[in-house]
């Protein structure tokens, strides 16, 4: 028999809202919700941007609860949590220690193209993003086994 505590039940019912972390055009972090217009957070650090996003969503939720005009903000009516994802520029801003040329070689990608993804000049197609993500996960799995 499977027994769940109330915290586990709450997590099962929790709605996930996709939140994209990117490097803003001003060099700051920006986080936006592709499925909810007008809600975003910015900051000098990823943590600041996440805090600003939470404040913006809390403010929107308070407003629509008072007015009853849920519209695009209907996603805030039930319990939710953000499902944070990086665009490539946001990933490289957070993990700036990666040498892009070396990483491109490791992943079998053109270094110039990966630099364009990093800067936000070019946008990777879904298959390309999946290839990069899988390659980074493979590297992470290798690093887990490192011992000194």
Protein backbone atom coordinates (compact mmCIF):
# COMPACT_ATOMS: atom_id res chain seq x y z
CA UNK A 1 0.00 0.00 0.00
CA UNK A 2 1.36 3.41 -1.01
CA UNK A 3 1.03 6.10 1.66
CA UNK A 4 1.66 9.74 0.80
CA UNK A 5 2.04 12.55 3.28
CA UNK A 6 0.27 15.86 2.66
CA UNK A 7 3.45 17.48 1.29
CA UNK A 8 3.80 14.72 -1.29
CA UNK A 9 0.14 15.06 -2.29
CA UNK A 10 0.54 18.81 -2.68
CA UNK A 11 3.54 18.30 -4.99
CA UNK A 12 1.54 15.89 -7.15
CA UNK A 13 -1.21 18.48 -7.64
CA UNK A 14 1.22 21.36 -8.16
CA UNK A 15 1.03 22.97 -11.59
CA UNK A 16 4.37 23.70 -13.26
CA UNK A 17 4.78 26.94 -15.16
CA UNK A 18 7.69 27.07 -17.62
CA UNK A 19 10.11 29.93 -16.86
CA UNK A 20 12.94 30.67 -19.32
CA UNK A 21 16.23 32.06 -17.98
CA UNK A 22 18.16 34.12 -20.51
CA UNK A 23 20.86 36.73 -20.70
CA UNK A 24 19.12 40.04 -21.24
CA UNK A 25 20.26 42.46 -23.94
CA UNK A 26 21.67 44.65 -21.15
CA UNK A 27 23.76 41.73 -19.80
CA UNK A 28 21.47 41.11 -16.82
CA UNK A 29 19.51 37.94 -16.18
CA UNK A 30 15.97 37.92 -17.48
CA UNK A 31 13.34 35.28 -16.74
CA UNK A 32 10.04 35.21 -18.58
CA UNK A 33 7.02 32.95 -18.75
CA UNK A 34 6.34 32.00 -22.38
CA UNK A 35 2.76 31.01 -21.55
CA UNK A 36 1.90 34.05 -19.40
CA UNK A 37 2.29 37.47 -20.99
CA UNK A 38 3.74 40.36 -19.03
CA UNK A 39 5.24 38.45 -16.10
CA UNK A 40 9.02 38.52 -15.90
CA UNK A 41 11.91 39.13 -13.54
CA UNK A 42 15.33 40.68 -14.06
CA UNK A 43 18.41 40.99 -11.91
CA UNK A 44 22.17 41.12 -11.81
CA UNK A 45 22.19 37.52 -10.59
CA UNK A 46 20.00 34.55 -11.40
CA UNK A 47 18.72 34.59 -7.80
CA UNK A 48 17.70 38.25 -8.07
CA UNK A 49 15.87 37.56 -11.32
CA UNK A 50 14.04 34.60 -9.72
CA UNK A 51 13.03 36.76 -6.74
CA UNK A 52 11.76 39.47 -9.10
CA UNK A 53 9.76 36.88 -11.06
CA UNK A 54 8.16 35.58 -7.87
CA UNK A 55 7.29 39.13 -6.80
CA UNK A 56 5.76 39.87 -10.22
CA UNK A 57 3.68 36.68 -10.20
CA UNK A 58 2.55 37.31 -6.61
CA UNK A 59 1.49 40.85 -7.53
CA UNK A 60 -0.40 39.61 -10.58
CA UNK A 61 -2.12 36.92 -8.52
CA UNK A 62 -3.17 39.45 -5.86
CA UNK A 63 -4.54 41.78 -8.52
CA UNK A 64 -6.61 39.15 -10.30
CA UNK A 65 -7.90 37.75 -7.01
CA UNK A 66 -9.17 41.25 -6.15
CA UNK A 67 -10.63 42.02 -9.57
CA UNK A 68 -11.73 38.55 -10.66
CA UNK A 69 -10.26 39.24 -14.10
CA UNK A 70 -8.13 36.10 -14.42
CA UNK A 71 -7.62 36.09 -18.18
CA UNK A 72 -4.07 34.95 -19.01
CA UNK A 73 -3.31 34.67 -15.28
CA UNK A 74 -5.65 31.72 -14.71
CA UNK A 75 -2.51 29.60 -14.22
CA UNK A 76 -2.01 31.40 -10.89
CA UNK A 77 -5.42 30.29 -9.57
CA UNK A 78 -4.13 26.94 -8.29
CA UNK A 79 -0.87 26.00 -6.57
CA UNK A 80 2.07 26.26 -8.92
CA UNK A 81 5.82 26.22 -9.09
CA UNK A 82 8.18 27.48 -11.74
CA UNK A 83 9.90 24.98 -14.02
CA UNK A 84 13.12 26.90 -14.70
CA UNK A 85 14.83 26.27 -18.02
CA UNK A 86 17.76 28.00 -19.65
CA UNK A 87 17.99 29.37 -23.10
CA UNK A 88 21.57 28.91 -24.30
CA UNK A 89 22.61 32.51 -23.58
CA UNK A 90 21.32 32.18 -20.00
CA UNK A 91 23.10 28.86 -19.54
CA UNK A 92 26.44 30.33 -20.61
CA UNK A 93 25.91 33.40 -18.41
CA UNK A 94 25.38 31.17 -15.38
CA UNK A 95 28.08 28.66 -16.27
CA UNK A 96 30.60 31.12 -17.69
CA UNK A 97 33.55 28.88 -16.80
CA UNK A 98 32.87 26.76 -19.88
CA UNK A 99 35.35 27.38 -22.68
CA UNK A 100 32.97 27.59 -25.62
CA UNK A 101 35.51 26.40 -28.21
CA UNK A 102 36.51 23.38 -26.12
CA UNK A 103 32.88 22.57 -25.34
CA UNK A 104 31.94 22.83 -29.02
CA UNK A 105 34.74 20.41 -29.90
CA UNK A 106 33.60 17.99 -27.21
CA UNK A 107 30.00 18.17 -28.45
CA UNK A 108 30.92 17.96 -32.14
CA UNK A 109 29.58 21.43 -32.90
CA UNK A 110 30.97 24.37 -34.80
CA UNK A 111 32.62 26.68 -32.23
CA UNK A 112 31.54 29.82 -34.07
CA UNK A 113 27.93 28.66 -34.05
CA UNK A 114 28.05 27.84 -30.33
CA UNK A 115 29.47 31.34 -29.65
CA UNK A 116 26.50 32.82 -31.55
CA UNK A 117 24.14 30.79 -29.37
CA UNK A 118 26.00 31.99 -26.28
CA UNK A 119 25.68 35.64 -27.26
CA UNK A 120 22.05 35.29 -28.30
CA UNK A 121 22.79 36.30 -31.90
CA UNK A 122 21.48 32.94 -33.16
CA UNK A 123 18.81 30.66 -31.77
CA UNK A 124 19.32 26.91 -31.79
CA UNK A 125 16.66 24.66 -33.25
CA UNK A 126 15.10 22.05 -30.95
CA UNK A 127 17.28 19.17 -32.21
CA UNK A 128 20.42 21.26 -31.73
CA UNK A 129 19.38 22.23 -28.19
CA UNK A 130 18.71 18.59 -27.39
CA UNK A 131 22.17 17.63 -28.69
CA UNK A 132 23.84 20.30 -26.55
CA UNK A 133 21.78 19.36 -23.48
CA UNK A 134 22.56 15.66 -23.87
CA UNK A 135 26.27 16.40 -24.34
CA UNK A 136 26.37 18.53 -21.18
CA UNK A 137 24.53 15.80 -19.25
CA UNK A 138 27.10 13.26 -20.49
CA UNK A 139 29.93 15.50 -19.26
CA UNK A 140 28.17 15.87 -15.89
CA UNK A 141 27.85 12.10 -15.57
CA UNK A 142 31.57 11.73 -16.25
CA UNK A 143 32.41 14.36 -13.64
CA UNK A 144 30.34 12.56 -11.00
CA UNK A 145 32.71 9.61 -11.20
CA UNK A 146 35.87 11.72 -10.74
CA UNK A 147 37.83 10.95 -7.56
CA UNK A 148 40.96 12.57 -6.17
